[in-house]
Protein backbone atom coordinates (compact mmCIF):
# COMPACT_ATOMS: atom_id res chain seq x y z
CA UNK A 1 58.09 162.21 211.87
CA UNK A 2 61.50 162.09 213.47
CA UNK A 3 60.23 159.82 216.27
CA UNK A 4 58.77 157.41 213.73
CA UNK A 5 62.26 156.69 212.41
CA UNK A 6 63.30 155.57 215.89
CA UNK A 7 60.37 153.16 216.05
CA UNK A 8 61.12 151.41 212.74
CA UNK A 9 64.04 149.28 214.04
CA UNK A 10 62.00 148.33 217.11
CA UNK A 11 59.09 147.22 214.92
CA UNK A 12 61.33 145.35 212.47
CA UNK A 13 62.06 142.53 214.88
CA UNK A 14 58.45 141.55 215.70
CA UNK A 15 57.35 141.95 212.10
CA UNK A 16 60.23 139.75 210.90
CA UNK A 17 59.45 137.15 213.56
CA UNK A 18 55.79 137.09 212.53
CA UNK A 19 56.75 136.61 208.89
CA UNK A 20 59.07 133.70 209.78
CA UNK A 21 56.33 132.03 211.83
CA UNK A 22 53.87 132.43 208.97
CA UNK A 23 56.28 130.85 206.48
CA UNK A 24 57.01 127.98 208.86
CA UNK A 25 53.31 127.29 209.35
CA UNK A 26 52.77 127.23 205.59
CA UNK A 27 55.59 124.74 205.04
CA UNK A 28 54.12 122.33 207.61
CA UNK A 29 51.00 121.47 205.60
CA UNK A 30 50.35 117.73 205.03
CA UNK A 31 50.68 117.97 201.24
CA UNK A 32 54.30 119.09 201.48
CA UNK A 33 55.71 116.60 203.95
CA UNK A 34 58.94 114.81 203.24
CA UNK A 35 58.68 111.14 202.31
CA UNK A 36 58.84 108.76 205.27
CA UNK A 37 62.24 107.48 206.33
CA UNK A 38 63.19 103.97 205.20
CA UNK A 39 62.54 101.29 207.81
CA UNK A 40 65.35 100.43 210.17
CA UNK A 41 67.44 97.32 209.62
CA UNK A 42 65.67 94.15 210.74
CA UNK A 43 66.32 93.11 214.31
CA UNK A 44 67.84 89.83 213.22
CA UNK A 45 70.56 91.58 211.22
CA UNK A 46 71.37 93.88 214.13
CA UNK A 47 71.62 90.92 216.51
CA UNK A 48 74.00 89.16 214.11
CA UNK A 49 76.20 92.25 213.89
CA UNK A 50 76.27 92.60 217.67
CA UNK A 51 77.20 88.93 218.08
CA UNK A 52 80.02 89.29 215.53
CA UNK A 53 81.36 92.40 217.25
CA UNK A 54 81.24 90.72 220.66
CA UNK A 55 83.16 87.73 219.28
CA UNK A 56 85.78 90.07 217.84
CA UNK A 57 86.14 91.88 221.16
CA UNK A 58 86.57 88.55 222.94
CA UNK A 59 89.30 87.54 220.48
CA UNK A 60 91.11 90.84 220.96
CA UNK A 61 90.93 90.54 224.73
CA UNK A 62 92.30 86.98 224.58
CA UNK A 63 95.17 88.13 222.36
CA UNK A 64 95.90 90.99 224.76
CA UNK A 65 95.93 88.58 227.71
CA UNK A 66 98.39 86.33 225.85
CA UNK A 67 100.70 89.27 225.19
CA UNK A 68 100.52 90.46 228.79
CA UNK A 69 100.98 86.92 230.16
CA UNK A 70 104.03 86.11 228.02
CA UNK A 71 106.06 88.86 229.68
CA UNK A 72 107.29 87.33 232.96
CA UNK A 73 108.83 90.58 234.24
CA UNK A 74 105.44 92.15 234.93
CA UNK A 75 103.09 94.52 233.19
CA UNK A 76 104.36 96.52 230.29
CA UNK A 77 104.92 100.20 230.59
CA UNK A 78 104.22 102.45 227.68
CA UNK A 79 105.90 105.69 227.12
């Protein structure tokens, strides 16, 4: 009887793992699936957003070049 008490913790892990697997299999049945995710944004909208972001980056780079070019003493040092 005393040796059985030593086996209980060793058996608890596999029994618990089996119970978790059983519950996970039950939750994966087709009747209980989550609703499908909404469709992604149309490609046309994504392309428009990318074009707008690229234009903004170009404007920022041009403004940065103007700031760097207006200083005749050379590149600016930060710090």
